[in-house]
Amino acid sequence: MPSCILCGARMEPLFRARDYRRADDRQERQLYWCAECKYGRLGGDFTPGQVALFYPSAYYTHRPEPKCEGNVSFFDRLRAHLAWRLDAGAPLQPNEIALSRRGRLTLCDLGCGSGKQISQFKEAGYEIIGVEPDPRARSMAQKVGEVLDGTAENIPSKIAGMQFDVVLLSHVLEHCIDPMKALANAQRILGAHGTLVIEVPNNNALGFFTFRAMWPWTDIPRHLHFFTERSLRIALQALGFEVAKVSYVGYVRQFQAEWIRAQEDIWAQIGEEPKPNFKRAAWALLFRTAFASPATKYDSIRVHATCSAN
C-alpha cells in the first residue's frame, strides 16, 4: 500500500480502472485514497517517459475545443438548462485576481496546453510566458505568445530566475509525477505579493464517487493525483502558502449531452455489463446535487494562494 504524500498514512484501495483512451493498454491500475487528507493517488512509480506515452494524439490539449455533434433531445436540453440555473461557478478570468502591484503585470502558465488561458491574460494586458511539454499543443500556444518546452516539475532555465505576478497551474497538478515539486517550482518563480492560481478536478464531488472511472475527470492514467479542497490546503500550507480564495466551478457541463456521450465512450472501452443508463444517472445526480454544498456539487476547484516567504 502506498503512503499519503501529505500525511504519511497508509492509503486504502478505492477502485481500479484501465485506460479508456488507449485500447492496447490492458493494464488495470489501482487508485488509492487517504480518508484523512481526502487525497488520492494512482498506484505505482512513473517516469516522464512512461507518462508521455499515456497521451494520445487526440488528447484534448492538442486540438481546438470540440463541438457537440449529433442530436440533442428536449430532455437533454432541459437537464442542462436546469443545471445552468443552479450553477454559480465561473471560469477563470483575469479580473478575479486581486494584485496590489500596479503597471504591467506578468503571468507564467505552467502547462498551458494549446494556449486558451494565456490568450485571455494577454488580452487583459499581461505579459505572458507559457510552458508546455507537448510539441503539438505548444505549437498552437505559440501563436499567442512565447511558450517554452518544459513542465511544472522541470521548468525551463530561462524562467528559473524570473519572478511573475501570477503563476497558473490549470488542470496540471493532477498530471504531475511529483506535485509537491511542481508547487515548489511555482513558489520559486512567484514574485513578491504574487498569486498562485491552481485549478484541478474536485475529487470530493458526488459525480466522482458515483461514476468513478466513468467520470470524465477521473481520466486514469493521465491523472496521477486526485485532489480536494482539504488536500490542496494541506499541500500548500506545507510549503508556506496561505490560501486566499477558493472557488468551485464546473456544474452544468456534468449534465450536458457531450459529458454523457463521453461517459458512454468510456464505458464502451472499459465498462462491464450491464451498461448503465447514463442519462437516467445524470438526472439522479442533478436531483442529489441541486442544493448540495459546493464541495460535493462542482467538478473542479480553483484556489488562489499567496506566500509570505516571497
Protein backbone atom coordinates (compact mmCIF):
# COMPACT_ATOMS: atom_id res chain seq x y z
CA MET A 1 0.00 0.00 0.00
CA PRO A 2 1.38 3.43 -0.86
CA SER A 3 1.74 6.17 1.72
CA CYS A 4 -0.01 9.52 1.51
CA ILE A 5 2.42 12.18 0.31
CA LEU A 6 0.71 14.70 2.58
CA CYS A 7 0.44 12.95 5.95
CA GLY A 8 2.40 9.72 5.53
CA ALA A 9 -0.53 7.47 6.46
CA ARG A 10 -1.19 4.22 4.62
CA MET A 11 -3.69 4.69 1.81
CA GLU A 12 -6.56 2.32 1.07
CA PRO A 13 -7.73 1.00 -2.32
CA LEU A 14 -10.66 2.92 -3.80
CA PHE A 15 -11.17 1.36 -7.25
CA ARG A 16 -9.33 0.02 -10.28
CA ALA A 17 -9.55 1.15 -13.90
CA ARG A 18 -7.98 0.71 -17.32
CA ASP A 19 -7.04 3.44 -19.79
CA TYR A 20 -10.10 4.04 -21.93
CA ARG A 21 -8.23 6.23 -24.43
CA ARG A 22 -5.73 3.52 -25.42
CA ALA A 23 -7.34 0.20 -26.22
CA ASP A 24 -3.98 -1.58 -26.49
CA ASP A 25 -3.22 -0.86 -22.82
CA ARG A 26 -4.95 -3.64 -20.90
CA GLN A 27 -3.37 -2.90 -17.53
CA GLU A 28 -5.69 -2.23 -14.62
CA ARG A 29 -4.38 0.49 -12.32
CA GLN A 30 -5.34 0.93 -8.69
CA LEU A 31 -6.44 4.26 -7.27
CA TYR A 32 -5.64 4.63 -3.57
CA TRP A 33 -7.31 7.07 -1.17
CA CYS A 34 -6.31 8.80 2.07
CA ALA A 35 -9.50 9.39 4.04
CA GLU A 36 -7.74 11.79 6.42
CA CYS A 37 -6.40 14.16 3.74
CA LYS A 38 -9.12 13.44 1.16
CA TYR A 39 -6.42 12.82 -1.39
CA GLY A 40 -5.94 10.07 -3.94
CA ARG A 41 -3.04 8.78 -5.98
CA LEU A 42 -2.55 6.19 -8.65
CA GLY A 43 -0.52 3.21 -7.51
CA GLY A 44 2.94 2.70 -8.99
CA ASP A 45 6.06 4.68 -9.75
CA PHE A 46 6.18 6.51 -13.06
CA THR A 47 8.94 8.01 -15.18
CA PRO A 48 8.44 11.01 -17.50
CA GLY A 49 8.89 8.70 -20.49
CA GLN A 50 6.15 6.37 -19.29
CA VAL A 51 3.79 9.24 -18.57
CA ALA A 52 4.36 10.73 -22.03
CA LEU A 53 3.02 7.52 -23.57
CA PHE A 54 -0.29 7.99 -21.76
CA TYR A 55 -1.23 10.93 -24.02
CA PRO A 56 -2.66 10.01 -27.44
CA SER A 57 -2.52 12.48 -30.31
CA ALA A 58 -6.26 13.15 -29.91
CA TYR A 59 -5.86 14.35 -26.31
CA TYR A 60 -7.90 17.50 -25.77
CA THR A 61 -4.96 19.86 -25.15
CA HIS A 62 -3.62 19.04 -28.61
CA ARG A 63 -6.58 20.34 -30.56
CA PRO A 64 -9.26 23.05 -30.52
CA GLU A 65 -12.24 22.54 -28.24
CA PRO A 66 -14.69 20.04 -29.73
CA LYS A 67 -18.23 20.98 -30.61
CA CYS A 68 -21.26 18.90 -29.80
CA GLU A 69 -22.21 16.54 -32.59
CA GLY A 70 -25.42 14.62 -33.13
CA ASN A 71 -28.96 15.21 -31.95
CA VAL A 72 -29.66 16.73 -28.56
CA SER A 73 -33.08 15.80 -27.27
CA PHE A 74 -35.56 18.05 -25.48
CA PHE A 75 -34.81 16.26 -22.21
CA ASP A 76 -31.07 16.70 -22.74
CA ARG A 77 -31.60 20.44 -23.17
CA LEU A 78 -33.97 20.56 -20.19
CA ARG A 79 -31.49 18.78 -17.92
CA ALA A 80 -28.66 21.11 -18.96
CA HIS A 81 -30.89 24.17 -18.54
CA LEU A 82 -31.93 23.18 -15.03
CA ALA A 83 -28.28 22.62 -14.11
CA TRP A 84 -27.39 26.01 -15.61
CA ARG A 85 -30.00 27.67 -13.40
CA LEU A 86 -28.28 26.09 -10.38
CA ASP A 87 -24.70 26.81 -11.46
CA ALA A 88 -22.96 29.65 -9.60
CA GLY A 89 -19.45 28.77 -10.77
CA ALA A 90 -17.46 30.78 -13.29
CA PRO A 91 -14.38 30.04 -15.40
CA LEU A 92 -11.12 31.77 -14.56
CA GLN A 93 -11.00 35.39 -15.69
CA PRO A 94 -8.07 37.79 -15.27
CA ASN A 95 -10.17 40.26 -13.29
CA GLU A 96 -10.78 37.78 -10.46
CA ILE A 97 -7.12 38.04 -9.41
CA ALA A 98 -6.55 40.89 -6.97
CA LEU A 99 -2.97 42.19 -7.13
CA SER A 100 -1.55 45.13 -5.22
CA ARG A 101 1.16 45.95 -7.75
CA ARG A 102 0.35 48.47 -10.48
CA GLY A 103 1.68 48.68 -14.01
CA ARG A 104 2.47 45.92 -16.47
CA LEU A 105 1.68 42.55 -14.91
CA THR A 106 3.30 39.24 -15.75
CA LEU A 107 1.97 35.69 -15.85
CA CYS A 108 3.56 32.28 -16.28
CA ASP A 109 1.21 29.43 -17.22
CA LEU A 110 2.88 26.14 -16.30
CA GLY A 111 1.25 23.57 -18.56
CA CYS A 112 -0.51 25.99 -20.87
CA GLY A 113 -1.79 23.40 -23.35
CA SER A 114 -2.95 24.99 -26.58
CA GLY A 115 -2.93 28.49 -25.07
CA LYS A 116 -6.52 29.30 -24.09
CA GLN A 117 -5.65 30.85 -20.72
CA ILE A 118 -2.58 32.78 -21.84
CA SER A 119 -4.67 34.24 -24.65
CA GLN A 120 -7.18 35.62 -22.14
CA PHE A 121 -4.48 37.12 -19.94
CA LYS A 122 -2.65 38.60 -22.91
CA GLU A 123 -5.86 40.31 -24.00
CA ALA A 124 -6.16 41.66 -20.44
CA GLY A 125 -2.74 43.32 -20.77
CA TYR A 126 -0.46 40.78 -19.11
CA GLU A 127 2.99 39.91 -20.35
CA ILE A 128 2.71 36.15 -20.69
CA ILE A 129 5.01 33.16 -20.89
CA GLY A 130 3.73 29.63 -21.27
CA VAL A 131 5.40 26.31 -20.50
CA GLU A 132 4.20 23.17 -22.26
CA PRO A 133 5.87 19.77 -22.81
CA ASP A 134 3.80 18.52 -25.73
CA PRO A 135 5.08 19.84 -29.09
CA ARG A 136 1.64 19.74 -30.75
CA ALA A 137 -0.04 21.75 -28.02
CA ARG A 138 3.00 24.03 -27.76
CA SER A 139 2.87 24.87 -31.47
CA MET A 140 -0.73 26.06 -31.10
CA ALA A 141 0.03 28.08 -27.97
CA GLN A 142 3.00 29.78 -29.66
CA LYS A 143 0.52 31.56 -31.91
CA VAL A 144 -0.46 33.52 -28.80
CA GLY A 145 2.96 34.31 -27.35
CA GLU A 146 6.21 32.88 -26.05
CA VAL A 147 5.84 29.25 -24.98
CA LEU A 148 8.78 27.20 -23.77
CA ASP A 149 9.39 23.47 -23.66
CA GLY A 150 9.19 22.18 -20.11
CA THR A 151 6.91 21.09 -17.29
CA ALA A 152 5.90 22.34 -13.87
CA GLU A 153 8.33 19.80 -12.39
CA ASN A 154 11.17 20.71 -14.73
CA ILE A 155 10.81 24.37 -15.55
CA PRO A 156 12.90 25.90 -18.36
CA SER A 157 16.16 27.54 -17.29
CA LYS A 158 15.03 30.80 -18.92
CA ILE A 159 12.30 31.35 -16.32
CA ALA A 160 14.03 29.74 -13.31
CA GLY A 161 15.38 33.11 -12.19
CA MET A 162 12.36 35.19 -13.17
CA GLN A 163 9.54 36.45 -10.94
CA PHE A 164 5.91 36.60 -12.04
CA ASP A 165 2.88 38.35 -10.60
CA VAL A 166 0.71 35.33 -11.39
CA VAL A 167 1.69 31.69 -11.74
CA LEU A 168 -1.03 29.47 -13.14
CA LEU A 169 -1.42 25.70 -12.81
CA SER A 170 -4.75 24.99 -14.50
CA HIS A 171 -5.61 21.28 -14.64
CA VAL A 172 -1.91 20.47 -14.42
CA LEU A 173 -1.17 19.37 -10.86
CA GLU A 174 -3.15 16.14 -11.21
CA HIS A 175 -0.89 15.13 -14.14
CA CYS A 176 2.41 15.65 -12.30
CA ILE A 177 4.55 12.75 -11.12
CA ASP A 178 5.65 14.90 -8.16
CA PRO A 179 3.03 17.59 -7.45
CA MET A 180 4.92 18.93 -4.43
CA LYS A 181 7.93 19.63 -6.65
CA ALA A 182 5.64 21.39 -9.10
CA LEU A 183 4.28 23.59 -6.31
CA ALA A 184 7.79 24.33 -5.04
CA ASN A 185 8.84 25.39 -8.55
CA ALA A 186 5.80 27.65 -8.82
CA GLN A 187 6.81 29.19 -5.49
CA ARG A 188 10.33 29.87 -6.79
CA ILE A 189 9.09 31.97 -9.70
CA LEU A 190 6.27 33.72 -7.87
CA GLY A 191 7.09 37.35 -7.22
CA ALA A 192 6.55 39.32 -4.04
CA HIS A 193 2.82 39.70 -3.33
CA GLY A 194 2.13 37.46 -6.33
CA THR A 195 -0.72 34.97 -6.63
CA LEU A 196 -0.55 31.27 -7.41
CA VAL A 197 -3.73 30.03 -9.11
CA ILE A 198 -4.43 26.31 -9.16
CA GLU A 199 -7.41 24.57 -10.71
CA VAL A 200 -7.85 20.80 -10.51
CA PRO A 201 -10.72 18.30 -10.70
CA ASN A 202 -12.71 18.23 -7.48
CA ASN A 203 -12.41 14.65 -6.31
CA ASN A 204 -14.77 15.33 -3.44
CA ALA A 205 -17.60 15.67 -5.98
CA LEU A 206 -20.54 13.32 -5.81
CA GLY A 207 -20.05 12.76 -9.54
CA PHE A 208 -16.59 11.30 -8.93
CA PHE A 209 -17.77 8.88 -6.26
CA THR A 210 -20.91 7.98 -8.24
CA PHE A 211 -19.28 7.22 -11.59
CA ARG A 212 -15.67 6.52 -10.56
CA ALA A 213 -13.74 5.61 -13.74
CA MET A 214 -16.75 6.63 -15.87
CA TRP A 215 -16.47 10.22 -14.63
CA PRO A 216 -14.59 12.00 -17.43
CA TRP A 217 -12.42 14.00 -15.00
CA THR A 218 -11.04 10.77 -13.49
CA ASP A 219 -9.04 10.06 -16.67
CA ILE A 220 -6.74 7.31 -15.42
CA PRO A 221 -3.77 7.06 -16.02
CA ARG A 222 -3.20 10.64 -17.20
CA HIS A 223 -4.41 11.80 -13.80
CA LEU A 224 -1.94 10.51 -11.25
CA HIS A 225 -3.15 12.55 -8.25
CA PHE A 226 -6.67 13.28 -7.06
CA PHE A 227 -7.23 16.43 -5.01
CA THR A 228 -9.93 18.06 -2.91
CA GLU A 229 -10.04 21.40 -1.11
CA ARG A 230 -8.68 19.76 2.03
CA SER A 231 -5.74 18.09 0.32
CA LEU A 232 -4.86 21.22 -1.65
CA ARG A 233 -4.85 23.27 1.53
CA ILE A 234 -2.57 20.74 3.27
CA ALA A 235 -0.15 20.68 0.33
CA LEU A 236 0.01 24.46 0.03
CA GLN A 237 0.38 25.08 3.75
CA ALA A 238 3.26 22.60 3.89
CA LEU A 239 5.18 24.93 1.56
CA GLY A 240 4.28 28.12 3.39
CA PHE A 241 1.42 29.26 1.18
CA GLU A 242 -1.72 30.87 2.52
CA VAL A 243 -4.99 30.12 0.75
CA ALA A 244 -6.60 33.43 -0.13
CA LYS A 245 -9.62 32.29 -2.14
CA VAL A 246 -11.43 29.07 -3.01
CA SER A 247 -13.91 28.74 -5.88
CA TYR A 248 -15.86 25.73 -7.06
CA VAL A 249 -16.58 25.57 -10.79
CA GLY A 250 -17.97 23.17 -13.36
CA TYR A 251 -21.54 22.12 -12.68
CA VAL A 252 -23.69 22.41 -15.77
CA ARG A 253 -21.26 20.52 -18.02
CA GLN A 254 -21.79 17.36 -15.95
CA PHE A 255 -25.35 17.27 -17.31
CA GLN A 256 -24.75 18.24 -20.92
CA ALA A 257 -25.04 15.80 -23.80
CA GLU A 258 -21.29 16.00 -24.52
CA TRP A 259 -20.44 14.84 -20.99
CA ILE A 260 -22.87 11.93 -21.14
CA ARG A 261 -21.54 10.89 -24.53
CA ALA A 262 -18.06 10.93 -23.04
CA GLN A 263 -19.25 8.63 -20.25
CA GLU A 264 -20.76 6.27 -22.81
CA ASP A 265 -17.50 6.29 -24.78
CA ILE A 266 -15.54 5.45 -21.62
CA TRP A 267 -17.93 2.61 -20.80
CA ALA A 268 -17.64 1.26 -24.35
CA GLN A 269 -13.89 0.90 -23.85
CA ILE A 270 -13.55 -0.28 -20.24
CA GLY A 271 -17.04 -0.78 -18.82
CA GLU A 272 -18.63 -4.02 -17.69
CA GLU A 273 -22.14 -5.31 -18.33
CA PRO A 274 -24.81 -4.33 -17.66
CA LYS A 275 -24.42 -0.93 -19.28
CA PRO A 276 -25.58 1.93 -17.03
CA ASN A 277 -28.23 4.33 -18.27
CA PHE A 278 -26.08 7.45 -18.09
CA LYS A 279 -28.91 9.83 -18.94
CA ARG A 280 -31.02 8.48 -16.10
CA ALA A 281 -27.99 8.60 -13.80
CA ALA A 282 -27.41 12.24 -14.78
CA TRP A 283 -30.96 13.13 -13.74
CA ALA A 284 -30.43 11.36 -10.43
CA LEU A 285 -27.17 13.24 -9.88
CA LEU A 286 -28.89 16.53 -10.70
CA PHE A 287 -31.52 15.92 -8.02
CA ARG A 288 -28.86 14.89 -5.48
CA THR A 289 -26.61 17.88 -6.11
CA ALA A 290 -29.06 20.68 -6.91
CA PHE A 291 -28.80 22.18 -3.43
CA ALA A 292 -25.71 20.33 -2.20
CA SER A 293 -22.66 22.08 -0.80
CA PRO A 294 -20.23 23.40 -3.43
CA ALA A 295 -17.62 20.92 -2.19
CA THR A 296 -19.74 18.00 -3.39
CA LYS A 297 -21.57 19.69 -6.27
CA TYR A 298 -18.93 21.03 -8.66
CA ASP A 299 -16.47 19.06 -10.75
CA SER A 300 -13.48 21.37 -10.27
CA ILE A 301 -11.92 23.53 -7.60
CA ARG A 302 -9.84 26.69 -8.04
CA VAL A 303 -7.58 28.05 -5.34
CA HIS A 304 -5.71 31.36 -5.09
CA ALA A 305 -2.70 31.24 -2.79
CA THR A 306 -0.04 33.68 -1.69
CA CYS A 307 3.26 33.05 0.02
CA SER A 308 4.52 35.25 2.83
CA ALA A 309 8.04 33.92 2.21
CA ASN A 310 8.04 35.89 -1.01
